[in-house]
Amino acid sequence: MKKIPVFFINGMLDSGKTTFIIDTLKNDIREKKMKTLLLVCEEGEVEYEEEILKETNTYKHVFESVEEFDYKLVEKLIKQEKVDRVVIEMNGMWDLSKLQFPRMIEIVQVISFIDGSTFNIYFNNMRQKFTDMIKRSHVVCFTKLENSEPLAPYQTALKLANNNAQFVLMDEYLRAQDAF
């Protein structure tokens, strides 16, 4: 059985996940040929416009709760829509250990978004949530920061959580630069 690649976009509310996904869908030339299943587990201020989804050959399904996220339903959607890949916009507050995925998928990349303007508050009050999110990430993107100076006190803790992750600062145009 052919494995379906999954791109897992994680992060807290208002960290830039939806904007990143929309920009990626619009800018990805291959997207016009590939069919994408977009699983949305958190709806924030930025919405997916139907026109963009249609233009990018993307089918969207929204989950309202972690209990709704059923691997049998995900498998059914993949088969029903005959998709080439899956993008999951994850809710950063969900307990990921409760999620099950069908065998037909392969998580190929985990990108986590963190709002740099609220990072220290969240990290100091929900350290375990952040650590768990970072442990699974290939790339950790900090948004709403002009430089990495506010992250300096946390650099060691972040690297200890996942020394293999790439930590980047994302500007408002979604250009990345190394954070540290």
N, C-alpha and C. Protein backbone atom coordinates (compact mmCIF):
# COMPACT_ATOMS: atom_id res chain seq x y z
N MET A 1 0.83 -1.18 0.00
CA MET A 1 0.00 0.00 0.00
C MET A 1 0.88 1.25 0.00
N LYS A 2 0.53 2.19 -0.86
CA LYS A 2 1.26 3.45 -0.97
C LYS A 2 1.01 4.30 0.27
N LYS A 3 2.07 4.81 0.87
CA LYS A 3 1.95 5.68 2.04
C LYS A 3 1.63 7.10 1.57
N ILE A 4 0.71 7.73 2.26
CA ILE A 4 0.32 9.12 1.97
C ILE A 4 1.13 10.03 2.90
N PRO A 5 1.91 10.97 2.33
CA PRO A 5 2.71 11.87 3.18
C PRO A 5 1.82 12.86 3.94
N VAL A 6 2.18 13.08 5.20
CA VAL A 6 1.45 14.00 6.06
C VAL A 6 2.39 15.09 6.54
N PHE A 7 1.92 16.32 6.43
CA PHE A 7 2.64 17.48 6.93
C PHE A 7 1.85 18.01 8.12
N PHE A 8 2.46 17.98 9.27
CA PHE A 8 1.83 18.26 10.54
C PHE A 8 2.21 19.67 10.96
N ILE A 9 1.25 20.58 10.99
CA ILE A 9 1.50 21.98 11.34
C ILE A 9 0.89 22.21 12.73
N ASN A 10 1.76 22.47 13.69
CA ASN A 10 1.36 22.51 15.09
C ASN A 10 1.60 23.90 15.67
N GLY A 11 0.96 24.20 16.78
CA GLY A 11 1.21 25.47 17.45
C GLY A 11 0.01 25.96 18.21
N MET A 12 0.24 27.01 18.97
CA MET A 12 -0.82 27.60 19.76
C MET A 12 -1.66 28.54 18.88
N LEU A 13 -2.82 28.90 19.39
CA LEU A 13 -3.73 29.81 18.70
C LEU A 13 -3.02 31.11 18.37
N ASP A 14 -3.26 31.61 17.17
CA ASP A 14 -2.75 32.90 16.70
C ASP A 14 -1.22 32.93 16.54
N SER A 15 -0.65 31.78 16.21
CA SER A 15 0.81 31.73 16.01
C SER A 15 1.21 31.79 14.54
N GLY A 16 0.24 31.69 13.61
CA GLY A 16 0.56 31.81 12.19
C GLY A 16 0.39 30.54 11.39
N LYS A 17 -0.20 29.50 11.96
CA LYS A 17 -0.35 28.22 11.26
C LYS A 17 -1.17 28.34 9.99
N THR A 18 -2.35 28.92 10.08
CA THR A 18 -3.25 29.01 8.92
C THR A 18 -2.64 29.88 7.83
N THR A 19 -2.06 31.00 8.21
CA THR A 19 -1.42 31.88 7.22
C THR A 19 -0.30 31.13 6.49
N PHE A 20 0.50 30.38 7.23
CA PHE A 20 1.57 29.59 6.62
C PHE A 20 1.00 28.56 5.64
N ILE A 21 -0.04 27.86 6.05
CA ILE A 21 -0.63 26.83 5.19
C ILE A 21 -1.20 27.45 3.92
N ILE A 22 -1.94 28.54 4.06
CA ILE A 22 -2.52 29.21 2.89
C ILE A 22 -1.43 29.67 1.93
N ASP A 23 -0.40 30.32 2.47
CA ASP A 23 0.69 30.79 1.61
C ASP A 23 1.42 29.63 0.94
N THR A 24 1.59 28.55 1.66
CA THR A 24 2.26 27.37 1.09
C THR A 24 1.41 26.77 -0.03
N LEU A 25 0.12 26.65 0.21
CA LEU A 25 -0.78 26.11 -0.83
C LEU A 25 -0.76 26.99 -2.07
N LYS A 26 -0.82 28.30 -1.88
CA LYS A 26 -0.85 29.23 -3.02
C LYS A 26 0.47 29.27 -3.78
N ASN A 27 1.58 29.08 -3.09
CA ASN A 27 2.89 29.21 -3.72
C ASN A 27 3.47 27.90 -4.23
N ASP A 28 2.87 26.81 -3.89
CA ASP A 28 3.40 25.50 -4.26
C ASP A 28 2.92 25.13 -5.66
N ILE A 29 3.81 25.20 -6.62
CA ILE A 29 3.46 24.90 -8.02
C ILE A 29 2.90 23.48 -8.14
N ARG A 30 3.49 22.54 -7.45
CA ARG A 30 3.04 21.15 -7.52
C ARG A 30 1.62 20.99 -7.00
N GLU A 31 1.22 21.91 -6.14
CA GLU A 31 -0.09 21.83 -5.50
C GLU A 31 -1.23 21.76 -6.51
N LYS A 32 -1.05 22.43 -7.62
CA LYS A 32 -2.12 22.48 -8.62
C LYS A 32 -2.38 21.09 -9.22
N LYS A 33 -1.37 20.24 -9.16
CA LYS A 33 -1.50 18.89 -9.71
C LYS A 33 -1.84 17.88 -8.61
N MET A 34 -1.35 18.14 -7.39
CA MET A 34 -1.57 17.21 -6.29
C MET A 34 -2.88 17.56 -5.58
N LYS A 35 -3.57 16.54 -5.12
CA LYS A 35 -4.78 16.75 -4.35
C LYS A 35 -4.42 16.64 -2.87
N THR A 36 -4.86 17.65 -2.11
CA THR A 36 -4.50 17.73 -0.70
C THR A 36 -5.74 17.62 0.17
N LEU A 37 -5.62 16.85 1.23
CA LEU A 37 -6.64 16.79 2.28
C LEU A 37 -6.12 17.66 3.42
N LEU A 38 -6.87 18.68 3.77
CA LEU A 38 -6.52 19.59 4.85
C LEU A 38 -7.40 19.27 6.05
N LEU A 39 -6.79 18.77 7.11
CA LEU A 39 -7.52 18.45 8.33
C LEU A 39 -7.29 19.59 9.32
N VAL A 40 -8.34 20.31 9.64
CA VAL A 40 -8.25 21.49 10.50
C VAL A 40 -8.77 21.14 11.89
N CYS A 41 -7.90 21.28 12.86
CA CYS A 41 -8.27 20.95 14.24
C CYS A 41 -8.42 22.19 15.11
N GLU A 42 -8.25 23.35 14.51
CA GLU A 42 -8.39 24.60 15.24
C GLU A 42 -8.67 25.70 14.24
N GLU A 43 -9.77 26.38 14.43
CA GLU A 43 -10.10 27.51 13.55
C GLU A 43 -9.85 28.81 14.31
N GLY A 44 -8.95 29.61 13.77
CA GLY A 44 -8.59 30.88 14.40
C GLY A 44 -9.18 32.05 13.66
N GLU A 45 -8.50 33.18 13.73
CA GLU A 45 -8.99 34.41 13.09
C GLU A 45 -8.89 34.34 11.56
N VAL A 46 -7.83 33.72 11.05
CA VAL A 46 -7.65 33.61 9.60
C VAL A 46 -8.42 32.39 9.12
N GLU A 47 -9.20 32.58 8.06
CA GLU A 47 -10.02 31.49 7.53
C GLU A 47 -9.52 31.04 6.17
N TYR A 48 -9.86 29.81 5.84
CA TYR A 48 -9.55 29.26 4.52
C TYR A 48 -10.68 29.65 3.57
N GLU A 49 -10.35 30.42 2.54
CA GLU A 49 -11.35 30.82 1.56
C GLU A 49 -11.60 29.67 0.60
N GLU A 50 -12.87 29.44 0.30
CA GLU A 50 -13.26 28.35 -0.60
C GLU A 50 -12.57 28.47 -1.96
N GLU A 51 -12.43 29.69 -2.45
CA GLU A 51 -11.80 29.91 -3.75
C GLU A 51 -10.34 29.41 -3.76
N ILE A 52 -9.62 29.70 -2.69
CA ILE A 52 -8.22 29.26 -2.60
C ILE A 52 -8.15 27.74 -2.50
N LEU A 53 -9.04 27.15 -1.73
CA LEU A 53 -9.06 25.69 -1.61
C LEU A 53 -9.33 25.05 -2.96
N LYS A 54 -10.26 25.62 -3.70
CA LYS A 54 -10.58 25.09 -5.03
C LYS A 54 -9.39 25.24 -5.99
N GLU A 55 -8.79 26.44 -5.99
CA GLU A 55 -7.65 26.70 -6.87
C GLU A 55 -6.46 25.78 -6.58
N THR A 56 -6.30 25.40 -5.32
CA THR A 56 -5.14 24.60 -4.93
C THR A 56 -5.47 23.12 -4.82
N ASN A 57 -6.66 22.74 -5.29
CA ASN A 57 -7.05 21.33 -5.31
C ASN A 57 -7.01 20.74 -3.89
N THR A 58 -7.60 21.48 -2.95
CA THR A 58 -7.55 21.10 -1.54
C THR A 58 -8.96 20.86 -1.01
N TYR A 59 -9.12 19.71 -0.34
CA TYR A 59 -10.37 19.37 0.32
C TYR A 59 -10.15 19.56 1.82
N LYS A 60 -11.06 20.29 2.49
CA LYS A 60 -10.92 20.61 3.91
C LYS A 60 -11.95 19.86 4.74
N HIS A 61 -11.49 19.35 5.89
CA HIS A 61 -12.38 18.76 6.88
C HIS A 61 -12.01 19.33 8.24
N VAL A 62 -13.02 19.77 9.01
CA VAL A 62 -12.79 20.39 10.31
C VAL A 62 -13.18 19.43 11.42
N PHE A 63 -12.30 19.31 12.42
CA PHE A 63 -12.58 18.55 13.63
C PHE A 63 -12.79 19.56 14.76
N GLU A 64 -13.85 19.39 15.50
CA GLU A 64 -14.17 20.31 16.60
C GLU A 64 -13.52 19.90 17.92
N SER A 65 -13.18 18.63 18.05
CA SER A 65 -12.59 18.15 19.31
C SER A 65 -11.65 16.99 19.03
N VAL A 66 -10.79 16.71 20.00
CA VAL A 66 -9.85 15.61 19.87
C VAL A 66 -10.60 14.27 19.77
N GLU A 67 -11.76 14.19 20.40
CA GLU A 67 -12.55 12.96 20.35
C GLU A 67 -13.09 12.70 18.94
N GLU A 68 -13.33 13.74 18.18
CA GLU A 68 -13.82 13.60 16.80
C GLU A 68 -12.74 13.09 15.86
N PHE A 69 -11.47 13.32 16.21
CA PHE A 69 -10.36 12.94 15.33
C PHE A 69 -10.19 11.43 15.38
N ASP A 70 -10.83 10.76 14.45
CA ASP A 70 -10.85 9.30 14.42
C ASP A 70 -10.05 8.80 13.22
N TYR A 71 -9.14 7.87 13.46
CA TYR A 71 -8.29 7.39 12.37
C TYR A 71 -9.10 6.72 11.26
N LYS A 72 -10.23 6.12 11.59
CA LYS A 72 -11.07 5.50 10.56
C LYS A 72 -11.68 6.57 9.65
N LEU A 73 -12.09 7.69 10.24
CA LEU A 73 -12.62 8.80 9.44
C LEU A 73 -11.53 9.40 8.57
N VAL A 74 -10.33 9.56 9.11
CA VAL A 74 -9.21 10.10 8.32
C VAL A 74 -8.93 9.17 7.15
N GLU A 75 -8.89 7.89 7.39
CA GLU A 75 -8.65 6.92 6.31
C GLU A 75 -9.77 7.00 5.26
N LYS A 76 -11.01 7.12 5.70
CA LYS A 76 -12.14 7.23 4.78
C LYS A 76 -12.01 8.48 3.92
N LEU A 77 -11.65 9.62 4.53
CA LEU A 77 -11.49 10.86 3.78
C LEU A 77 -10.36 10.76 2.75
N ILE A 78 -9.27 10.13 3.12
CA ILE A 78 -8.14 9.95 2.20
C ILE A 78 -8.58 9.13 0.99
N LYS A 79 -9.26 8.05 1.24
CA LYS A 79 -9.72 7.18 0.15
C LYS A 79 -10.82 7.85 -0.68
N GLN A 80 -11.76 8.47 -0.01
CA GLN A 80 -12.89 9.11 -0.68
C GLN A 80 -12.44 10.23 -1.61
N GLU A 81 -11.51 11.04 -1.14
CA GLU A 81 -11.04 12.18 -1.93
C GLU A 81 -9.86 11.84 -2.84
N LYS A 82 -9.30 10.64 -2.68
CA LYS A 82 -8.16 10.19 -3.49
C LYS A 82 -7.03 11.22 -3.47
N VAL A 83 -6.61 11.56 -2.25
CA VAL A 83 -5.61 12.61 -2.08
C VAL A 83 -4.19 12.08 -2.24
N ASP A 84 -3.31 13.01 -2.57
CA ASP A 84 -1.89 12.70 -2.71
C ASP A 84 -1.11 12.99 -1.44
N ARG A 85 -1.66 13.89 -0.61
CA ARG A 85 -0.99 14.24 0.65
C ARG A 85 -2.02 14.81 1.61
N VAL A 86 -1.61 14.88 2.89
CA VAL A 86 -2.47 15.39 3.95
C VAL A 86 -1.70 16.48 4.68
N VAL A 87 -2.39 17.58 4.97
CA VAL A 87 -1.85 18.65 5.81
C VAL A 87 -2.77 18.73 7.03
N ILE A 88 -2.18 18.66 8.21
CA ILE A 88 -2.97 18.74 9.44
C ILE A 88 -2.62 20.03 10.16
N GLU A 89 -3.62 20.89 10.34
CA GLU A 89 -3.45 22.06 11.19
C GLU A 89 -3.92 21.66 12.58
N MET A 90 -2.96 21.41 13.45
CA MET A 90 -3.24 20.85 14.76
C MET A 90 -3.58 21.93 15.77
N ASN A 91 -4.37 21.57 16.74
CA ASN A 91 -4.69 22.42 17.87
C ASN A 91 -3.59 22.20 18.92
N GLY A 92 -2.86 23.24 19.25
CA GLY A 92 -1.74 23.13 20.17
C GLY A 92 -2.11 22.70 21.57
N MET A 93 -3.38 22.78 21.92
CA MET A 93 -3.81 22.40 23.27
C MET A 93 -4.28 20.95 23.35
N TRP A 94 -4.41 20.29 22.22
CA TRP A 94 -4.86 18.90 22.23
C TRP A 94 -3.76 17.99 22.75
N ASP A 95 -4.17 16.91 23.38
CA ASP A 95 -3.24 15.89 23.84
C ASP A 95 -2.95 14.96 22.66
N LEU A 96 -1.77 15.12 22.09
CA LEU A 96 -1.42 14.35 20.88
C LEU A 96 -1.34 12.85 21.13
N SER A 97 -1.13 12.45 22.36
CA SER A 97 -1.05 11.01 22.65
C SER A 97 -2.40 10.33 22.44
N LYS A 98 -3.49 11.10 22.39
CA LYS A 98 -4.82 10.53 22.16
C LYS A 98 -5.11 10.30 20.68
N LEU A 99 -4.30 10.86 19.80
CA LEU A 99 -4.55 10.74 18.37
C LEU A 99 -4.02 9.43 17.82
N GLN A 100 -4.81 8.84 16.96
CA GLN A 100 -4.38 7.66 16.22
C GLN A 100 -4.51 7.97 14.74
N PHE A 101 -3.58 7.42 13.98
CA PHE A 101 -3.55 7.67 12.54
C PHE A 101 -3.63 6.35 11.79
N PRO A 102 -4.23 6.37 10.60
CA PRO A 102 -4.28 5.14 9.80
C PRO A 102 -2.88 4.73 9.36
N ARG A 103 -2.72 3.47 9.12
CA ARG A 103 -1.41 2.93 8.70
C ARG A 103 -0.99 3.43 7.34
N MET A 104 -1.93 3.92 6.56
CA MET A 104 -1.64 4.34 5.19
C MET A 104 -0.92 5.68 5.11
N ILE A 105 -0.73 6.35 6.25
CA ILE A 105 -0.07 7.65 6.22
C ILE A 105 1.34 7.57 6.81
N GLU A 106 2.14 8.56 6.43
CA GLU A 106 3.48 8.69 6.97
C GLU A 106 3.73 10.17 7.26
N ILE A 107 3.95 10.48 8.53
CA ILE A 107 4.24 11.87 8.89
C ILE A 107 5.66 12.17 8.44
N VAL A 108 5.78 13.07 7.46
CA VAL A 108 7.09 13.37 6.87
C VAL A 108 7.70 14.65 7.41
N GLN A 109 6.84 15.56 7.92
CA GLN A 109 7.40 16.79 8.48
C GLN A 109 6.46 17.36 9.52
N VAL A 110 7.05 17.78 10.64
CA VAL A 110 6.31 18.44 11.72
C VAL A 110 6.90 19.83 11.88
N ILE A 111 6.05 20.84 11.66
CA ILE A 111 6.46 22.23 11.81
C ILE A 111 5.61 22.83 12.92
N SER A 112 6.26 23.39 13.92
CA SER A 112 5.53 24.00 15.03
C SER A 112 5.73 25.51 15.01
N PHE A 113 4.64 26.22 15.21
CA PHE A 113 4.65 27.68 15.22
C PHE A 113 4.44 28.18 16.64
N ILE A 114 5.23 29.18 17.01
CA ILE A 114 5.15 29.77 18.34
C ILE A 114 5.11 31.28 18.20
N ASP A 115 4.10 31.89 18.79
CA ASP A 115 3.99 33.35 18.81
C ASP A 115 5.05 33.86 19.78
N GLY A 116 6.08 34.49 19.26
CA GLY A 116 7.18 34.96 20.08
C GLY A 116 6.79 36.03 21.08
N SER A 117 5.71 36.77 20.79
CA SER A 117 5.30 37.84 21.70
C SER A 117 4.65 37.31 22.97
N THR A 118 4.17 36.07 22.94
CA THR A 118 3.56 35.47 24.14
C THR A 118 4.32 34.23 24.62
N PHE A 119 5.43 33.92 23.95
CA PHE A 119 6.15 32.69 24.25
C PHE A 119 6.53 32.55 25.72
N ASN A 120 7.13 33.57 26.30
CA ASN A 120 7.62 33.42 27.67
C ASN A 120 6.49 33.13 28.65
N ILE A 121 5.32 33.72 28.45
CA ILE A 121 4.18 33.46 29.34
C ILE A 121 3.73 32.01 29.21
N TYR A 122 3.52 31.57 27.96
CA TYR A 122 3.10 30.18 27.73
C TYR A 122 4.17 29.19 28.20
N PHE A 123 5.42 29.46 27.86
CA PHE A 123 6.49 28.51 28.21
C PHE A 123 6.62 28.38 29.72
N ASN A 124 6.53 29.48 30.43
CA ASN A 124 6.67 29.43 31.89
C ASN A 124 5.46 28.81 32.58
N ASN A 125 4.29 28.89 31.96
CA ASN A 125 3.07 28.35 32.58
C ASN A 125 2.62 27.01 32.03
N MET A 126 3.08 26.67 30.82
CA MET A 126 2.69 25.40 30.20
C MET A 126 3.92 24.74 29.58
N ARG A 127 4.98 24.69 30.33
CA ARG A 127 6.26 24.18 29.83
C ARG A 127 6.14 22.79 29.21
N GLN A 128 5.39 21.90 29.86
CA GLN A 128 5.29 20.52 29.35
C GLN A 128 4.63 20.49 27.98
N LYS A 129 3.58 21.30 27.76
CA LYS A 129 2.92 21.36 26.44
C LYS A 129 3.91 21.79 25.37
N PHE A 130 4.69 22.84 25.67
CA PHE A 130 5.68 23.32 24.71
C PHE A 130 6.77 22.29 24.47
N THR A 131 7.24 21.68 25.53
CA THR A 131 8.31 20.69 25.39
C THR A 131 7.83 19.52 24.54
N ASP A 132 6.62 19.04 24.79
CA ASP A 132 6.07 17.93 24.00
C ASP A 132 5.94 18.32 22.52
N MET A 133 5.50 19.56 22.27
CA MET A 133 5.34 20.03 20.89
C MET A 133 6.71 20.10 20.20
N ILE A 134 7.69 20.65 20.89
CA ILE A 134 9.02 20.83 20.31
C ILE A 134 9.72 19.49 20.10
N LYS A 135 9.52 18.53 21.00
CA LYS A 135 10.15 17.21 20.88
C LYS A 135 9.82 16.54 19.55
N ARG A 136 8.60 16.75 19.05
CA ARG A 136 8.14 16.09 17.83
C ARG A 136 8.45 16.88 16.56
N SER A 137 9.01 18.07 16.69
CA SER A 137 9.15 18.99 15.56
C SER A 137 10.44 18.81 14.79
N HIS A 138 10.33 18.98 13.48
CA HIS A 138 11.51 19.08 12.62
C HIS A 138 11.95 20.54 12.55
N VAL A 139 10.94 21.44 12.52
CA VAL A 139 11.20 22.88 12.44
C VAL A 139 10.31 23.57 13.48
N VAL A 140 10.90 24.51 14.22
CA VAL A 140 10.16 25.34 15.17
C VAL A 140 10.27 26.78 14.69
N CYS A 141 9.12 27.38 14.33
CA CYS A 141 9.09 28.73 13.78
C CYS A 141 8.54 29.71 14.81
N PHE A 142 9.34 30.70 15.12
CA PHE A 142 8.89 31.76 16.01
C PHE A 142 8.39 32.92 15.15
N THR A 143 7.17 33.36 15.41
CA THR A 143 6.59 34.48 14.68
C THR A 143 6.49 35.67 15.63
N LYS A 144 6.28 36.84 15.05
CA LYS A 144 6.07 38.08 15.81
C LYS A 144 7.26 38.46 16.69
N LEU A 145 8.46 38.17 16.20
CA LEU A 145 9.71 38.58 16.86
C LEU A 145 10.60 39.22 15.81
N GLU A 146 11.24 40.32 16.14
CA GLU A 146 12.15 40.97 15.20
C GLU A 146 13.55 40.37 15.27
N ASN A 147 13.91 39.83 16.43
CA ASN A 147 15.21 39.17 16.58
C ASN A 147 15.08 38.11 17.66
N SER A 148 16.12 37.32 17.83
CA SER A 148 16.06 36.20 18.75
C SER A 148 16.42 36.56 20.19
N GLU A 149 16.67 37.83 20.46
CA GLU A 149 17.07 38.26 21.79
C GLU A 149 16.10 37.80 22.90
N PRO A 150 14.77 37.91 22.72
CA PRO A 150 13.86 37.46 23.78
C PRO A 150 13.93 35.95 24.04
N LEU A 151 14.48 35.19 23.08
CA LEU A 151 14.56 33.74 23.23
C LEU A 151 15.83 33.29 23.95
N ALA A 152 16.80 34.19 24.08
CA ALA A 152 18.10 33.83 24.66
C ALA A 152 17.99 33.11 26.00
N PRO A 153 17.14 33.55 26.94
CA PRO A 153 17.06 32.84 28.23
C PRO A 153 16.51 31.41 28.10
N TYR A 154 15.83 31.11 26.99
CA TYR A 154 15.20 29.81 26.81
C TYR A 154 15.96 28.90 25.84
N GLN A 155 17.02 29.42 25.24
CA GLN A 155 17.73 28.69 24.19
C GLN A 155 18.17 27.30 24.64
N THR A 156 18.76 27.19 25.80
CA THR A 156 19.24 25.90 26.28
C THR A 156 18.08 24.93 26.48
N ALA A 157 17.00 25.39 27.11
CA ALA A 157 15.84 24.52 27.34
C ALA A 157 15.24 24.05 26.02
N LEU A 158 15.17 24.94 25.04
CA LEU A 158 14.61 24.57 23.74
C LEU A 158 15.49 23.54 23.04
N LYS A 159 16.79 23.77 23.06
CA LYS A 159 17.72 22.83 22.42
C LYS A 159 17.72 21.48 23.14
N LEU A 160 17.57 21.49 24.46
CA LEU A 160 17.49 20.22 25.20
C LEU A 160 16.22 19.46 24.85
N ALA A 161 15.15 20.17 24.58
CA ALA A 161 13.89 19.52 24.20
C ALA A 161 14.03 18.80 22.86
N ASN A 162 14.79 19.41 21.93
CA ASN A 162 14.99 18.78 20.62
C ASN A 162 16.19 19.42 19.94
N ASN A 163 17.33 18.81 20.11
CA ASN A 163 18.56 19.33 19.53
C ASN A 163 18.60 19.19 18.01
N ASN A 164 17.76 18.34 17.45
CA ASN A 164 17.76 18.12 16.01
C ASN A 164 16.84 19.07 15.25
N ALA A 165 15.97 19.76 15.96
CA ALA A 165 15.05 20.68 15.30
C ALA A 165 15.78 21.91 14.81
N GLN A 166 15.26 22.47 13.73
CA GLN A 166 15.77 23.75 13.25
C GLN A 166 14.87 24.82 13.85
N PHE A 167 15.47 25.79 14.54
CA PHE A 167 14.74 26.88 15.16
C PHE A 167 14.91 28.12 14.28
N VAL A 168 13.78 28.67 13.83
CA VAL A 168 13.84 29.81 12.91
C VAL A 168 12.90 30.92 13.36
N LEU A 169 13.25 32.14 12.94
CA LEU A 169 12.37 33.30 13.10
C LEU A 169 11.69 33.51 11.75
N MET A 170 10.36 33.71 11.78
CA MET A 170 9.62 33.96 10.54
C MET A 170 9.19 35.41 10.55
N ASP A 171 9.46 36.11 9.45
CA ASP A 171 8.99 37.49 9.38
C ASP A 171 7.57 37.50 8.82
N GLU A 172 7.00 38.68 8.70
CA GLU A 172 5.60 38.78 8.27
C GLU A 172 5.38 38.27 6.85
N TYR A 173 6.44 38.14 6.06
CA TYR A 173 6.33 37.62 4.70
C TYR A 173 6.69 36.15 4.63
N LEU A 174 6.73 35.50 5.80
CA LEU A 174 7.03 34.08 5.94
C LEU A 174 8.40 33.70 5.40
N ARG A 175 9.35 34.62 5.52
CA ARG A 175 10.74 34.29 5.22
C ARG A 175 11.39 33.87 6.53
N ALA A 176 12.20 32.84 6.44
CA ALA A 176 12.81 32.29 7.66
C ALA A 176 14.27 32.67 7.77
N GLN A 177 14.71 32.84 9.00
CA GLN A 177 16.14 33.00 9.29
C GLN A 177 16.40 32.23 10.58
N ASP A 178 17.59 31.67 10.71
CA ASP A 178 17.91 30.89 11.89
C ASP A 178 17.75 31.72 13.15
N ALA A 179 17.16 31.11 14.17
CA ALA A 179 16.97 31.80 15.44
C ALA A 179 18.22 31.69 16.30
N PHE A 180 18.82 30.50 16.31
CA PHE A 180 20.06 30.28 17.06
C PHE A 180 20.69 28.98 16.62
